[in-house]
Protein backbone atom coordinates (compact mmCIF):
# COMPACT_ATOMS: atom_id res chain seq x y z
CA MET A 1 -14.46 48.58 51.66
CA SER A 2 -13.41 48.21 55.28
CA THR A 3 -15.31 48.52 58.64
CA HIS A 4 -15.13 49.76 62.17
CA PRO A 5 -17.01 48.55 63.93
CA ALA A 6 -17.23 49.66 67.89
CA ARG A 7 -16.81 46.35 68.92
CA PRO A 8 -15.89 43.89 67.15
CA THR A 9 -17.63 40.44 67.04
CA TYR A 10 -17.97 37.30 64.46
CA ALA A 11 -21.51 38.96 63.86
CA ALA A 12 -19.44 41.89 62.96
CA VAL A 13 -17.21 39.81 60.34
CA LEU A 14 -19.99 38.40 58.79
CA ARG A 15 -21.67 42.21 58.46
CA VAL A 16 -18.77 43.08 56.01
CA PRO A 17 -20.55 44.03 53.17
CA HIS A 18 -20.25 41.02 50.58
CA ALA A 19 -18.09 38.91 52.91
CA ARG A 20 -21.01 35.99 53.98
CA ARG A 21 -21.13 35.53 49.75
CA THR A 22 -17.26 35.49 49.45
CA PHE A 23 -17.05 33.08 52.43
CA ALA A 24 -19.86 31.00 51.50
CA ALA A 25 -18.24 30.54 48.20
CA ALA A 26 -14.63 30.37 49.18
CA LEU A 27 -15.80 27.11 51.71
CA ALA A 28 -17.80 25.26 49.06
CA ALA A 29 -15.21 25.65 46.70
CA ARG A 30 -12.62 24.71 49.88
CA LEU A 31 -14.36 22.00 50.69
CA CYS A 32 -12.77 19.86 47.81
CA TYR A 33 -9.51 19.64 49.59
CA GLY A 34 -11.46 17.97 52.53
CA THR A 35 -13.30 15.07 50.22
CA VAL A 36 -10.23 14.94 47.58
CA THR A 37 -7.79 13.22 49.56
CA LEU A 38 -9.61 10.26 50.59
CA ALA A 39 -11.52 10.16 47.47
CA VAL A 40 -8.35 9.60 45.57
CA LEU A 41 -6.82 7.26 47.98
CA LEU A 42 -9.87 5.05 47.72
CA SER A 43 -10.25 5.37 43.62
CA VAL A 44 -6.63 4.51 43.04
CA THR A 45 -6.66 1.40 45.89
CA ARG A 46 -9.24 0.19 43.58
CA ALA A 47 -8.46 0.76 40.63
CA THR A 48 -4.69 -0.63 41.09
CA GLY A 49 -4.97 -3.08 43.79
CA SER A 50 -1.36 -1.69 45.18
CA TYR A 51 -1.35 0.00 48.21
CA ALA A 52 2.34 1.03 46.78
CA VAL A 53 1.25 3.06 44.04
CA SER A 54 -1.40 4.34 46.09
CA GLY A 55 1.03 6.13 48.32
CA ALA A 56 3.15 7.01 45.29
CA VAL A 57 0.25 8.60 43.53
CA MET A 58 -0.90 10.67 46.94
CA SER A 59 2.58 11.81 47.48
CA LEU A 60 3.02 12.97 43.85
CA PHE A 61 -0.67 14.11 44.49
CA GLY A 62 0.39 15.94 47.86
CA GLY A 63 3.93 16.91 47.21
CA ALA A 64 2.41 19.04 43.56
CA ALA A 65 -0.13 20.44 45.39
CA VAL A 66 1.85 21.35 48.58
CA PHE A 67 4.78 22.47 47.47
CA LEU A 68 4.17 24.52 44.48
CA MET A 69 1.36 26.47 46.46
CA PRO A 70 3.99 29.17 46.95
CA LEU A 71 4.39 29.98 43.50
CA ARG A 72 0.62 29.51 42.45
CA ALA A 73 -0.25 32.20 45.16
CA SER A 74 2.40 34.50 43.55
CA LEU A 75 0.79 34.29 40.49
CA VAL A 76 -2.57 35.21 42.50
CA ASP A 77 -0.67 38.08 43.75
CA ARG A 78 0.76 39.30 40.28
CA TYR A 79 -2.07 38.86 38.32
CA GLY A 80 -5.43 39.24 41.24
CA PRO A 81 -7.42 36.62 42.05
CA ARG A 82 -10.39 36.87 38.91
CA ARG A 83 -7.76 36.06 36.35
CA ALA A 84 -5.66 33.55 38.22
CA LEU A 85 -7.85 31.68 40.38
CA LEU A 86 -10.00 30.24 37.78
CA PRO A 87 -8.01 29.18 34.84
CA MET A 88 -6.05 26.88 37.82
CA ALA A 89 -9.56 25.84 38.91
CA VAL A 90 -10.49 24.48 35.41
CA LEU A 91 -7.18 23.27 34.72
CA TYR A 92 -7.39 20.97 38.39
CA GLY A 93 -11.29 20.24 37.42
CA THR A 94 -9.82 18.93 34.41
CA PHE A 95 -7.12 16.82 35.74
CA LEU A 96 -9.05 15.47 38.30
CA CYS A 97 -12.23 14.32 35.82
CA ALA A 98 -9.40 12.56 33.77
CA LEU A 99 -8.17 10.90 37.28
CA ALA A 100 -11.70 9.92 38.15
CA ALA A 101 -12.47 8.63 34.48
CA LEU A 102 -8.72 6.60 34.50
CA THR A 103 -9.70 5.31 38.30
CA TRP A 104 -13.39 4.45 37.62
CA ARG A 105 -12.85 0.49 36.71
CA PRO A 106 -10.04 -1.49 37.82
CA GLY A 107 -7.04 -2.29 35.68
CA ALA A 108 -5.63 1.47 34.61
CA PRO A 109 -1.87 1.80 33.67
CA ALA A 110 -0.11 3.16 37.20
CA PRO A 111 1.72 5.86 35.02
CA LEU A 112 -1.27 7.30 33.58
CA ILE A 113 -3.15 8.05 37.14
CA ALA A 114 0.16 8.71 38.93
CA THR A 115 0.62 11.42 35.89
CA ALA A 116 -2.68 12.80 36.35
CA ALA A 117 -2.35 12.79 39.95
CA ALA A 118 0.30 15.03 39.92
CA LEU A 119 -0.84 17.45 37.02
CA ALA A 120 -4.38 18.12 38.89
CA GLY A 121 -2.15 18.59 42.51
CA THR A 122 -0.18 21.15 40.40
CA CYS A 123 -2.78 23.18 39.56
CA ALA A 124 -4.74 23.12 42.62
CA PRO A 125 -5.87 27.05 43.38
CA PRO A 126 -4.58 28.28 46.63
CA LEU A 127 -8.20 28.95 47.75
CA GLY A 128 -7.19 29.50 51.68
CA PRO A 129 -4.19 31.62 51.23
CA THR A 130 -6.32 34.14 49.13
CA MET A 131 -9.69 34.45 51.51
CA ARG A 132 -7.22 34.94 54.15
CA ALA A 133 -5.33 38.14 52.19
CA LEU A 134 -8.98 38.94 51.16
CA TRP A 135 -9.85 39.31 54.82
CA ALA A 136 -7.15 41.79 55.15
CA GLU A 137 -8.61 43.66 52.16
CA LEU A 138 -12.15 44.00 53.54
CA VAL A 139 -11.22 44.43 57.04
CA ALA A 140 -8.86 47.09 58.60
CA ASP A 141 -9.52 46.50 62.46
CA ARG A 142 -7.03 44.61 63.45
CA SER A 143 -9.33 42.94 66.32
CA LEU A 144 -11.86 42.45 63.62
CA LEU A 145 -9.21 41.06 61.29
CA ARG A 146 -8.26 38.64 64.10
CA ARG A 147 -11.55 37.39 64.29
CA ALA A 148 -12.38 36.81 60.36
CA TYR A 149 -9.31 34.63 60.56
CA SER A 150 -10.13 33.09 63.45
CA LEU A 151 -13.61 32.05 61.82
CA ASP A 152 -11.61 31.24 58.61
CA GLY A 153 -9.45 28.72 60.48
CA VAL A 154 -12.70 26.84 62.47
CA ALA A 155 -14.52 26.83 59.39
CA GLU A 156 -11.82 25.08 57.74
CA GLU A 157 -11.24 22.34 60.50
CA LEU A 158 -14.46 21.84 60.11
CA LEU A 159 -14.60 20.91 55.92
CA TYR A 160 -11.34 18.68 56.91
CA VAL A 161 -14.16 16.83 59.50
CA SER A 162 -16.69 16.80 57.19
CA GLY A 163 -15.47 16.17 53.83
CA PRO A 164 -14.37 12.72 54.26
CA ALA A 165 -17.67 12.21 56.43
CA LEU A 166 -19.16 13.25 53.05
CA VAL A 167 -17.07 10.74 50.58
CA GLY A 168 -18.08 8.17 52.69
CA VAL A 169 -21.51 8.63 52.36
CA LEU A 170 -20.89 8.54 48.91
CA VAL A 171 -19.15 5.32 47.96
CA GLY A 172 -21.70 3.60 50.20
CA TRP A 173 -23.72 3.81 46.88
CA ALA A 174 -21.28 4.76 44.00
CA PRO A 175 -17.45 4.00 43.18
CA PRO A 176 -14.82 5.57 44.92
CA ALA A 177 -13.85 7.61 41.67
CA SER A 178 -17.26 9.59 41.89
CA GLY A 179 -15.76 11.48 45.22
CA ILE A 180 -13.09 12.89 42.77
CA LEU A 181 -15.93 14.03 40.66
CA LEU A 182 -17.82 15.78 43.44
CA SER A 183 -14.60 17.10 44.60
CA ALA A 184 -13.83 18.78 40.84
CA PHE A 185 -17.26 20.45 41.06
CA LEU A 186 -16.90 21.56 43.93
CA ASN A 187 -13.73 23.20 43.23
CA VAL A 188 -14.57 24.76 39.79
CA ALA A 189 -18.23 25.63 41.14
CA GLY A 190 -16.92 27.02 44.35
CA THR A 191 -14.27 29.32 42.68
CA CYS A 192 -16.48 30.62 39.48
CA ALA A 193 -18.56 31.99 42.74
CA PHE A 194 -15.72 33.31 44.55
CA VAL A 195 -13.58 34.81 41.67
CA THR A 196 -17.08 36.58 40.78
CA SER A 197 -17.48 38.39 43.87
CA PRO A 198 -17.96 42.09 44.12
CA ALA A 199 -15.13 42.25 47.00
CA MET A 200 -12.69 40.54 44.73
CA PRO A 201 -9.82 43.03 44.37
CA GLY A 202 -7.78 43.38 41.04
CA PRO A 203 -4.16 42.54 40.77
CA ARG A 204 -1.47 44.72 42.54
CA PRO A 205 2.22 44.05 41.71
CA GLN A 206 4.85 44.24 44.46
CA PRO A 207 6.78 47.31 44.89
CA ARG A 208 10.09 46.98 43.11
CA GLY A 209 12.88 46.79 45.89
CA LYS A 210 11.24 44.95 48.65
CA SER A 211 11.81 41.15 49.36
CA PRO A 212 9.06 39.31 48.55
CA GLY A 213 6.24 37.81 51.07
CA GLY A 214 8.06 39.45 54.02
CA GLY A 215 11.69 38.38 53.96
CA ARG A 216 13.07 37.24 57.36
CA GLY A 217 9.87 38.63 59.22
CA LEU A 218 8.02 35.49 57.51
CA LEU A 219 10.66 32.96 58.84
CA PRO A 220 8.46 33.19 62.57
CA PRO A 221 5.41 32.26 61.61
CA VAL A 222 6.35 29.48 58.83
CA ALA A 223 8.77 27.79 61.46
CA VAL A 224 5.85 27.69 64.10
CA ALA A 225 3.60 26.10 61.35
CA THR A 226 6.00 23.87 60.30
CA GLY A 227 6.48 22.60 63.97
CA VAL A 228 3.00 22.37 64.14
CA GLY A 229 2.47 20.27 61.28
CA LEU A 230 4.86 18.03 62.50
CA ALA A 231 3.82 17.57 65.91
CA LEU A 232 -0.01 16.91 64.97
CA SER A 233 0.89 14.29 61.86
CA GLY A 234 3.10 12.66 64.58
CA VAL A 235 0.05 12.53 66.84
CA GLU A 236 -2.56 10.76 64.73
CA LEU A 237 -0.06 8.01 64.32
CA LEU A 238 0.57 7.79 68.16
CA VAL A 239 -2.85 7.76 69.05
CA LEU A 240 -3.56 5.03 66.96
CA ALA A 241 -0.07 3.12 68.42
CA PHE A 242 -1.48 3.72 71.98
CA ALA A 243 -4.63 2.42 70.97
CA ALA A 244 -3.11 -1.14 69.99
CA GLU A 245 -0.73 -1.24 72.76
CA GLY A 246 -3.31 -0.98 74.97
CA SER A 247 -5.81 -3.43 73.72
CA TYR A 248 -8.35 -1.03 73.15
CA ASP A 249 -10.95 -0.98 70.20
CA THR A 250 -9.45 1.37 67.34
CA ALA A 251 -12.62 1.95 65.98
CA LEU A 252 -12.44 4.41 69.25
CA VAL A 253 -9.11 6.11 67.52
CA PRO A 254 -11.27 8.61 64.96
CA TRP A 255 -13.35 10.22 68.43
CA VAL A 256 -9.82 10.60 69.95
CA LEU A 257 -8.83 12.36 66.81
CA GLY A 258 -12.25 14.14 66.98
CA ALA A 259 -11.64 15.72 70.24
CA LEU A 260 -8.37 17.02 68.95
CA SER A 261 -10.24 19.05 66.15
CA ALA A 262 -13.02 19.85 68.56
CA GLY A 263 -10.72 21.50 71.29
CA SER A 264 -9.32 23.11 67.88
CA ALA A 265 -12.44 24.76 66.92
CA VAL A 266 -13.27 25.34 70.42
CA GLY A 267 -9.60 27.49 70.70
CA GLY A 268 -9.84 29.47 67.73
CA LEU A 269 -13.45 30.87 68.60
CA VAL A 270 -11.82 31.88 71.98
CA ASN A 271 -8.84 33.26 70.65
CA GLY A 272 -10.75 35.32 68.60
CA ALA A 273 -12.94 36.61 71.05
CA VAL A 274 -10.15 37.65 73.52
CA GLU A 275 -8.71 40.88 73.33
CA TRP A 276 -5.39 40.12 73.57
CA ARG A 277 -2.75 42.58 74.95
CA SER A 278 0.66 40.78 73.95
CA ALA A 279 2.07 40.94 70.41
CA ALA A 280 1.16 38.74 67.69
CA ARG A 281 4.95 37.10 67.62
CA VAL A 282 4.59 36.62 71.77
CA ARG A 283 1.07 34.74 71.22
CA LEU A 284 2.95 32.85 68.67
CA CYS A 285 5.21 31.38 70.55
CA TRP A 286 3.26 30.61 73.72
CA PHE A 287 0.44 28.73 71.50
CA ALA A 288 3.22 26.50 69.80
CA VAL A 289 4.95 25.83 73.58
CA GLY A 290 1.55 25.39 75.23
CA LEU A 291 0.55 22.36 72.16
CA GLY A 292 4.26 20.63 72.64
CA LEU A 293 3.47 20.21 76.30
CA VAL A 294 0.31 18.98 76.47
CA ILE A 295 1.21 16.50 73.33
CA ALA A 296 4.39 15.57 75.35
CA ALA A 297 2.18 14.92 78.80
CA ALA A 298 -0.35 13.50 76.94
CA GLY A 299 1.90 10.29 76.57
CA LEU A 300 1.74 9.70 80.58
CA ALA A 301 -1.90 9.30 80.10
CA PRO A 302 -3.14 5.90 81.74
CA GLY A 303 -6.17 5.04 79.49
CA LEU A 304 -7.56 5.83 76.43
CA TRP A 305 -10.22 8.49 77.35
CA THR A 306 -7.63 10.23 79.60
CA LEU A 307 -5.54 10.74 76.05
CA THR A 308 -8.84 11.65 74.91
CA VAL A 309 -8.94 14.76 77.33
CA ALA A 310 -5.58 15.73 76.76
CA MET A 311 -6.18 15.86 72.63
CA ALA A 312 -9.00 18.00 73.39
CA CYS A 313 -6.63 20.36 75.48
CA ALA A 314 -3.63 20.33 72.70
CA GLY A 315 -6.67 20.57 70.32
CA ALA A 316 -7.17 24.05 71.93
CA PHE A 317 -3.75 25.33 70.80
CA ILE A 318 -4.14 24.28 67.54
CA ALA A 319 -6.23 27.35 65.95
CA PRO A 320 -5.13 29.94 67.97
CA ALA A 321 -1.58 29.00 66.64
CA LEU A 322 -1.99 28.71 63.00
CA THR A 323 -4.22 32.18 63.21
CA THR A 324 -1.74 33.64 64.65
CA ALA A 325 0.47 32.57 61.97
CA TYR A 326 -1.80 33.88 59.22
CA LEU A 327 -1.86 37.26 60.94
CA LEU A 328 1.61 37.62 61.64
CA ALA A 329 2.30 36.71 58.19
CA ASP A 330 0.04 39.24 56.75
CA GLU A 331 1.70 41.93 58.94
CA THR A 332 5.26 41.42 57.47
CA ALA A 333 3.81 40.67 53.65
CA THR A 334 4.41 43.56 51.03
CA GLU A 335 1.31 44.94 49.51
CA GLY A 336 1.85 42.76 46.58
CA ALA A 337 2.44 39.78 48.26
CA ARG A 338 -0.10 38.75 50.91
CA THR A 339 -1.46 35.96 48.95
CA ARG A 340 1.97 34.58 48.81
CA ALA A 341 2.90 34.73 52.48
CA GLY A 342 -0.29 33.04 53.24
CA ALA A 343 0.65 30.24 51.32
CA TRP A 344 4.17 29.84 52.62
CA VAL A 345 2.72 29.46 56.25
CA ASN A 346 0.24 26.98 54.56
CA THR A 347 3.05 25.06 52.90
CA GLY A 348 4.60 24.96 56.18
CA VAL A 349 1.93 23.27 58.20
CA ASN A 350 1.59 20.75 55.26
CA ALA A 351 5.01 20.30 54.88
CA GLY A 352 5.52 19.72 58.51
CA SER A 353 2.82 17.08 58.13
CA SER A 354 4.40 14.78 55.52
CA ALA A 355 7.73 14.70 57.46
CA GLY A 356 6.37 14.40 61.09
CA ALA A 357 4.12 11.35 59.28
CA LEU A 358 7.36 9.43 57.87
CA VAL A 359 8.97 10.35 60.87
CA THR A 360 7.25 8.82 63.83
CA GLY A 361 6.25 5.57 61.73
CA LEU A 362 9.88 4.87 61.37
CA LEU A 363 9.84 5.68 65.47
CA ILE A 364 6.72 4.16 66.74
CA GLY A 365 7.94 0.22 67.81
CA ARG A 366 11.48 1.30 67.99
CA LEU A 367 11.42 3.86 71.22
CA PRO A 368 9.03 3.97 74.05
CA LEU A 369 5.46 5.54 72.91
CA THR A 370 5.96 8.18 76.21
CA LEU A 371 9.26 8.98 74.34
CA CYS A 372 7.49 9.27 70.80
CA PHE A 373 4.99 11.64 72.86
CA ALA A 374 7.64 13.85 74.18
CA LEU A 375 9.65 13.81 70.44
CA ALA A 376 6.62 15.21 68.84
CA GLY A 377 5.46 17.64 71.86
CA GLY A 378 9.37 18.67 71.50
CA THR A 379 9.25 19.72 67.61
CA ALA A 380 6.25 22.29 68.69
CA VAL A 381 8.45 23.81 71.42
CA LEU A 382 11.70 23.59 69.12
CA ALA A 383 9.86 25.62 66.57
CA ALA A 384 8.30 28.33 69.15
CA LEU A 385 12.08 28.51 70.34
CA THR A 386 13.79 29.12 66.88
CA ALA A 387 10.34 31.76 65.99
CA GLY A 388 11.16 33.29 69.13
CA SER A 389 15.15 33.91 68.55
CA ARG A 390 14.25 34.65 64.64
CA ALA A 391 12.03 37.70 65.85
CA ALA A 392 14.30 38.69 68.33
CA GLY A 393 16.93 39.08 65.85
CA ALA A 394 14.60 41.14 63.29
CA ALA A 395 13.56 43.14 65.96
CA ARG A 396 17.19 44.09 66.50
CA VAL A 397 18.18 44.70 63.18
CA GLY A 398 14.77 46.38 61.71
CA GLY A 399 14.17 48.49 65.09
CA GLY A 400 11.45 46.81 66.00
CA GLY A 401 8.41 45.21 64.15
CA PRO A 402 7.10 45.45 60.85
CA PRO A 403 6.97 48.77 59.01
CA ALA A 404 3.35 50.29 59.03
CA ARG A 405 1.56 49.93 55.83
CA ALA A 406 -1.20 51.79 54.54
CA LYS A 407 -4.40 49.32 54.83
CA SER A 408 -6.29 49.42 51.13
CA ARG A 409 -9.64 49.14 49.96
CA VAL A 410 -11.62 47.13 47.98
CA GLY A 411 -12.80 49.41 45.04
CA GLU A 412 -9.68 51.91 45.14
CA ALA A 413 -6.99 50.79 43.32
CA PRO A 414 -6.63 48.08 41.18
CA ARG A 415 -4.63 44.79 42.36
């Protein structure tokens, strides 16, 4: 089921049959990922009294969720969202409930907490990649699909801002482990509503003889996504160090990072509304370069308010870069590997974020902050240059661009 509106708009995206119900259910389930990280961190810290244990548990939980996402996404592509997502959500919710029970009161054994967290992360449903793959099923018009991806990206940004705030309100009157229970409920209930949508396709096996997920064509969007993750995780620590070095109140730091998120939301909406003439590969590289240059220049800010403006400008490139990366991944993916292709981009962002936080933490205090900002921005620029060279090489080898593919329709051949 698709639509070809005369004038693609965000309103037209939501008028696509079944889009509102499906998107709302997906967002409800994905809100879990905005609440669960802080809830687990607070719960484990309270239960064990050890920041070292908390860090180890969070690494196991996040690592299992991020690095196994392409594998879980391949199950969605192979068996279809209805058959694959619901068992994942039930297992994920079950292990989160076990983790909540273990951390409800102090004194639980750290190995049991770590095991429950790792098992929960292993089962986390790839809801974002699945929703983006479903947008490609619902919408055949590429301009409208770009708006759908932009709307999806902005909504996801808001989830990661509102999720921690929701946990903060909840732990004001309940144990932190209640946030884990809330996360489990959101994920299971939202996934149930998501998979029962009439828009949900069935499984479609990958055609034989084709590389899964797009092969070499997937490298540019994954490279840029990784570079963006590296740059952004570094920025979060650098803003905190900037405030401390300048003797500013560190309570102002969330407002600076909020400007980054606000800029991303505005940039995502503008990116979806503009009728671009350049190819997605070209835009992808320029967005990453713009992000990197603004972050590098932000290190020269004379004060915190100037840095806030710079962060808003940097944010304007985040959602466009990631949205374009997801679009390009969808274009290069084979028919049976759309979810997996999007999951690789998602993995790139999160893996870059983990590595960036580690490296930046080691560099702060050893190098001037101005140089640290330049290095953080340089990772995005380097990723763009790498993606550009990869794309150019693929174009020379393959004769330019991904092969055309027929757009499938929900309700036709089962997927």
